[in-house]
């Protein structure tokens, strides 16, 4: 799998995590009620894992960890 490095400020990462979380909520609870919607469970699961990784990087209790170490989890 190809990896991409991206430099973000803490504020940018916080915003990205919030926006991604909101979109996941929409995909999981709102979109399925729309006619013709086809859910993709694997994509939603991957998104949830990604949001969790972003939030773990932002977690002050993980201050001793480097962002690359948090991404490796």
N, C-alpha and C. Protein backbone atom coordinates (compact mmCIF):
# COMPACT_ATOMS: atom_id res chain seq x y z
N UNK A 1 0.84 -1.17 0.00
CA UNK A 1 0.00 0.00 0.00
C UNK A 1 0.90 1.24 0.00
N UNK A 2 0.57 2.19 -0.82
CA UNK A 2 1.33 3.43 -0.91
C UNK A 2 1.00 4.31 0.29
N UNK A 3 2.03 4.88 0.90
CA UNK A 3 1.82 5.78 2.02
C UNK A 3 2.12 7.21 1.58
N UNK A 4 1.37 8.15 2.13
CA UNK A 4 1.55 9.56 1.83
C UNK A 4 1.77 10.29 3.15
N UNK A 5 2.76 11.15 3.19
CA UNK A 5 3.00 11.98 4.36
C UNK A 5 2.34 13.32 4.14
N UNK A 6 1.70 13.83 5.19
CA UNK A 6 0.98 15.08 5.11
C UNK A 6 1.26 15.87 6.37
N UNK A 7 1.70 17.10 6.21
CA UNK A 7 1.98 17.95 7.36
C UNK A 7 0.77 18.83 7.63
N UNK A 8 0.26 18.76 8.86
CA UNK A 8 -0.89 19.55 9.27
C UNK A 8 -0.60 20.21 10.60
N UNK A 9 -1.23 21.36 10.82
CA UNK A 9 -1.18 21.96 12.14
C UNK A 9 -2.17 21.21 13.02
N UNK A 10 -2.06 21.43 14.32
CA UNK A 10 -2.99 20.79 15.25
C UNK A 10 -4.42 21.23 14.95
N UNK A 11 -4.61 22.51 14.69
CA UNK A 11 -5.95 23.02 14.38
C UNK A 11 -6.49 22.37 13.11
N UNK A 12 -5.67 22.21 12.10
CA UNK A 12 -6.12 21.58 10.86
C UNK A 12 -6.51 20.13 11.10
N UNK A 13 -5.72 19.41 11.89
CA UNK A 13 -6.03 18.01 12.18
C UNK A 13 -7.31 17.90 13.00
N UNK A 14 -7.50 18.81 13.96
CA UNK A 14 -8.74 18.82 14.74
C UNK A 14 -9.95 19.02 13.82
N UNK A 15 -9.85 19.99 12.91
CA UNK A 15 -10.94 20.25 11.98
C UNK A 15 -11.20 19.05 11.07
N UNK A 16 -10.14 18.46 10.54
CA UNK A 16 -10.29 17.31 9.67
C UNK A 16 -10.94 16.13 10.39
N UNK A 17 -10.54 15.90 11.63
CA UNK A 17 -11.13 14.81 12.41
C UNK A 17 -12.62 15.06 12.66
N UNK A 18 -12.97 16.30 12.96
CA UNK A 18 -14.38 16.66 13.19
C UNK A 18 -15.20 16.49 11.92
N UNK A 19 -14.70 16.99 10.81
CA UNK A 19 -15.43 16.87 9.55
C UNK A 19 -15.60 15.40 9.14
N UNK A 20 -14.54 14.62 9.30
CA UNK A 20 -14.62 13.20 8.96
C UNK A 20 -15.62 12.48 9.85
N UNK A 21 -15.63 12.81 11.13
CA UNK A 21 -16.56 12.19 12.06
C UNK A 21 -18.01 12.53 11.68
N UNK A 22 -18.24 13.78 11.34
CA UNK A 22 -19.58 14.20 10.92
C UNK A 22 -20.02 13.46 9.66
N UNK A 23 -19.11 13.30 8.71
CA UNK A 23 -19.44 12.60 7.47
C UNK A 23 -19.73 11.13 7.73
N UNK A 24 -18.98 10.52 8.64
CA UNK A 24 -19.24 9.12 8.98
C UNK A 24 -20.61 8.96 9.62
N UNK A 25 -20.99 9.90 10.48
CA UNK A 25 -22.32 9.85 11.08
C UNK A 25 -23.37 9.89 9.99
N UNK A 26 -23.18 10.78 9.03
CA UNK A 26 -24.14 10.89 7.93
C UNK A 26 -24.23 9.58 7.15
N UNK A 27 -23.07 9.00 6.82
CA UNK A 27 -23.07 7.76 6.05
C UNK A 27 -23.68 6.60 6.80
N UNK A 28 -23.53 6.61 8.13
CA UNK A 28 -24.03 5.48 8.91
C UNK A 28 -25.52 5.60 9.26
N UNK A 29 -26.00 6.82 9.52
CA UNK A 29 -27.35 6.96 10.03
C UNK A 29 -28.33 7.73 9.14
N UNK A 30 -27.85 8.64 8.33
CA UNK A 30 -28.75 9.47 7.52
C UNK A 30 -28.89 8.93 6.10
N UNK A 31 -27.77 8.71 5.43
CA UNK A 31 -27.81 8.26 4.04
C UNK A 31 -28.58 6.97 3.82
N UNK A 32 -28.49 5.97 4.72
CA UNK A 32 -29.24 4.73 4.49
C UNK A 32 -30.75 4.93 4.35
N UNK A 33 -31.27 6.05 4.82
CA UNK A 33 -32.70 6.31 4.73
C UNK A 33 -33.09 6.90 3.37
N UNK A 34 -32.09 7.23 2.55
CA UNK A 34 -32.36 7.81 1.24
C UNK A 34 -32.57 6.70 0.21
N UNK A 35 -33.54 6.88 -0.68
CA UNK A 35 -33.81 5.85 -1.69
C UNK A 35 -32.58 5.60 -2.58
N UNK A 36 -32.30 4.35 -2.80
CA UNK A 36 -31.21 3.97 -3.70
C UNK A 36 -29.83 3.98 -3.07
N UNK A 37 -29.73 4.31 -1.81
CA UNK A 37 -28.42 4.36 -1.16
C UNK A 37 -27.88 2.95 -0.97
N UNK A 38 -26.62 2.76 -1.29
CA UNK A 38 -25.96 1.48 -1.08
C UNK A 38 -24.82 1.71 -0.09
N UNK A 39 -24.92 1.07 1.06
CA UNK A 39 -23.91 1.28 2.09
C UNK A 39 -22.65 0.48 1.77
N UNK A 40 -21.53 0.98 2.27
CA UNK A 40 -20.25 0.30 2.12
C UNK A 40 -19.66 0.18 3.52
N UNK A 41 -19.95 -0.95 4.17
CA UNK A 41 -19.54 -1.17 5.55
C UNK A 41 -18.03 -1.09 5.71
N UNK A 42 -17.29 -1.63 4.77
CA UNK A 42 -15.82 -1.62 4.87
C UNK A 42 -15.28 -0.19 4.85
N UNK A 43 -15.86 0.65 4.02
CA UNK A 43 -15.42 2.04 3.93
C UNK A 43 -15.75 2.81 5.21
N UNK A 44 -16.92 2.58 5.77
CA UNK A 44 -17.30 3.24 7.03
C UNK A 44 -16.39 2.77 8.15
N UNK A 45 -16.09 1.49 8.20
CA UNK A 45 -15.20 0.96 9.22
C UNK A 45 -13.80 1.55 9.11
N UNK A 46 -13.30 1.66 7.89
CA UNK A 46 -11.99 2.24 7.67
C UNK A 46 -11.99 3.72 8.10
N UNK A 47 -13.07 4.41 7.81
CA UNK A 47 -13.19 5.81 8.20
C UNK A 47 -13.19 5.97 9.72
N UNK A 48 -13.90 5.08 10.41
CA UNK A 48 -13.94 5.14 11.87
C UNK A 48 -12.55 4.91 12.45
N UNK A 49 -11.81 3.96 11.88
CA UNK A 49 -10.45 3.69 12.35
C UNK A 49 -9.55 4.89 12.09
N UNK A 50 -9.72 5.54 10.96
CA UNK A 50 -8.91 6.71 10.64
C UNK A 50 -9.21 7.86 11.59
N UNK A 51 -10.47 8.10 11.87
CA UNK A 51 -10.84 9.16 12.82
C UNK A 51 -10.27 8.83 14.20
N UNK A 52 -10.32 7.59 14.60
CA UNK A 52 -9.75 7.19 15.89
C UNK A 52 -8.25 7.46 15.93
N UNK A 53 -7.55 7.17 14.84
CA UNK A 53 -6.11 7.44 14.78
C UNK A 53 -5.83 8.93 14.87
N UNK A 54 -6.61 9.74 14.16
CA UNK A 54 -6.41 11.19 14.21
C UNK A 54 -6.64 11.70 15.63
N UNK A 55 -7.69 11.21 16.27
CA UNK A 55 -7.99 11.66 17.64
C UNK A 55 -6.93 11.20 18.63
N UNK A 56 -6.34 10.02 18.41
CA UNK A 56 -5.29 9.56 19.31
C UNK A 56 -4.05 10.44 19.19
N UNK A 57 -3.80 10.95 18.01
CA UNK A 57 -2.67 11.87 17.82
C UNK A 57 -2.93 13.17 18.57
N UNK A 58 -4.18 13.61 18.59
CA UNK A 58 -4.54 14.87 19.24
C UNK A 58 -4.70 14.73 20.75
N UNK A 59 -4.81 13.51 21.24
CA UNK A 59 -5.04 13.26 22.66
C UNK A 59 -3.84 13.71 23.49
N UNK A 60 -4.03 14.63 24.45
CA UNK A 60 -2.92 15.12 25.26
C UNK A 60 -2.26 14.03 26.10
N UNK A 61 -2.99 12.97 26.40
CA UNK A 61 -2.40 11.86 27.16
C UNK A 61 -1.35 11.12 26.34
N UNK A 62 -1.37 11.32 25.05
CA UNK A 62 -0.39 10.68 24.16
C UNK A 62 0.71 11.65 23.80
N UNK A 63 0.94 12.67 24.62
CA UNK A 63 1.89 13.73 24.31
C UNK A 63 3.30 13.21 24.09
N UNK A 64 3.66 12.12 24.74
CA UNK A 64 5.01 11.57 24.59
C UNK A 64 5.21 10.82 23.29
N UNK A 65 4.12 10.53 22.60
CA UNK A 65 4.21 9.77 21.36
C UNK A 65 4.40 10.71 20.19
N UNK A 66 5.14 10.29 19.22
CA UNK A 66 5.29 11.09 18.01
C UNK A 66 4.12 10.79 17.10
N UNK A 67 3.76 11.72 16.21
CA UNK A 67 2.65 11.44 15.28
C UNK A 67 2.89 10.20 14.45
N UNK A 68 4.13 9.95 14.05
CA UNK A 68 4.39 8.75 13.24
C UNK A 68 4.18 7.48 14.05
N UNK A 69 4.49 7.52 15.34
CA UNK A 69 4.26 6.34 16.19
C UNK A 69 2.76 6.10 16.36
N UNK A 70 1.99 7.17 16.49
CA UNK A 70 0.54 7.01 16.63
C UNK A 70 -0.06 6.47 15.35
N UNK A 71 0.47 6.88 14.22
CA UNK A 71 -0.06 6.39 12.94
C UNK A 71 0.27 4.93 12.71
N UNK A 72 1.33 4.47 13.32
CA UNK A 72 1.76 3.07 13.12
C UNK A 72 0.85 2.09 13.86
N UNK A 73 0.08 2.55 14.83
CA UNK A 73 -0.81 1.66 15.60
C UNK A 73 -1.85 1.01 14.75
